[in-house]
Structures are given as C-alpha cells and as structure tokens.
Amino acid sequence: MTLSPMHAKMGLSFATTVTGFLNDRTATNLARKLQKYRNQMSALTGAMNERAINLNEIATKDAAMRMQWAIAGAARRNQGASEVAAAAAGTSGRNVDSTMRGLRASEQAAQAARRMKANAEMQQHHTERVNNRVNVIMNRDITVHQKPSLLMAGMGLAAQFKTDFDNNQPEGDKLGDRLQAATFKDWWAG
C-alpha cells in the first residue's frame, strides 16, 4: 500500500504539530523551573543582605553603648579630679561650682552628639533595610508562562489537514467550496 502525497503531507503535518506541542510544553516547564530558581536566588541574596544589615545595626548599637559608658566614665573622672584639685588648693564656692557645671555641660554635649550619631546610623540601616526589601520585590520575576494548549494544537492541525486536503482536490470539490454551498443538503450532495 502506497501513500498518496496528500496523506504523506497530512502525516507530516501531524508529526510537526505533535513535536511542536511537546517542545513547547518542555520549554514552558523549563522556563517555569528557571523562573522559580532565579526567584529563590534573589530571595536568598535579599536574606543575606538583611543579615548583614542586622549585624551592622547591632554593631552600631554596641558602639553607641560603649561610647555612652566611656563618656560617663570620663566625666566622673574629670569631676573627681576637679573636686580633688579644688580640695587640695583649698578653694570652694562659685569657681568650683562653675567648673563642675562646665564638666556636666561637656558630658551632656558629648552624650547628645553620641545620640545624634547613633540615630543617624540607625536611620541609615533602616533605609538600607527598606531598599533591600524593595529590591527583593522588584527583582522577583512574575512572568506568566502559559502551557501550550492541546485544543489549540488540534485546531491548528485540523486547519492544516483542511488545507492539505483542499490542495489535492479539483476546483469545486474542495471543502471550502462545499462549505460555501447554499444549504447542507447541497453540500452533502456535492
């Protein structure tokens, strides 16, 4: 049994459609898996950046606390040294009170500068954290990868079969000509 050219073309069309459908399905599955992998890597990078920001924030708080203790300790030492020097010199009154007020004012100014510096650094860490979270969201791939439709592949195959059939029929006997007939009865009689 030999195949006519029309049947050979239809077989080739069928093989091409099935192969194309399978290739499209495989490509879609691969694209979805790659998208998931990239999103996971982006989330992992974001988490690593968040950890680094947290460590920097802890270091900032620790440094601020150590500076607070250092300033308070230096102020106590300075006040004690001033009191000892005043007692040794036998002075008292306004001069000693003025010196002590000056030392307390210096301590308060140093503590205020420390707080301002720590607050600025904490605000910077907060900004970094917000930017990191926004970057993680913006880097997320939300592309929709639609699976190929078996119905659409079948419709395309049917259209190709009709074209192959019509190309091998004499004029007036093509499916397109029959479908244009006035009634179903005329088409069936065709």
Foldseek 3Di string as FASTA:
>chain_A
DDDDPLVVQLVVLVVVLVVVQVVLQVVLVVVVVVLVVQLVVLVVVLVVLLVVLVVQLVVLVVVLVVQLVVLVVVLVVVLVVLVVVCVVVVHDDDVNVVVNVVSVVVSVVSNVVSVVVSVVSVVVSVVSNVVSVVSSVVSRDPDDRDRDDPVVSVVVSVVSSLVSQQVPDDPCLRPVNLVPDPDVVSSVVD
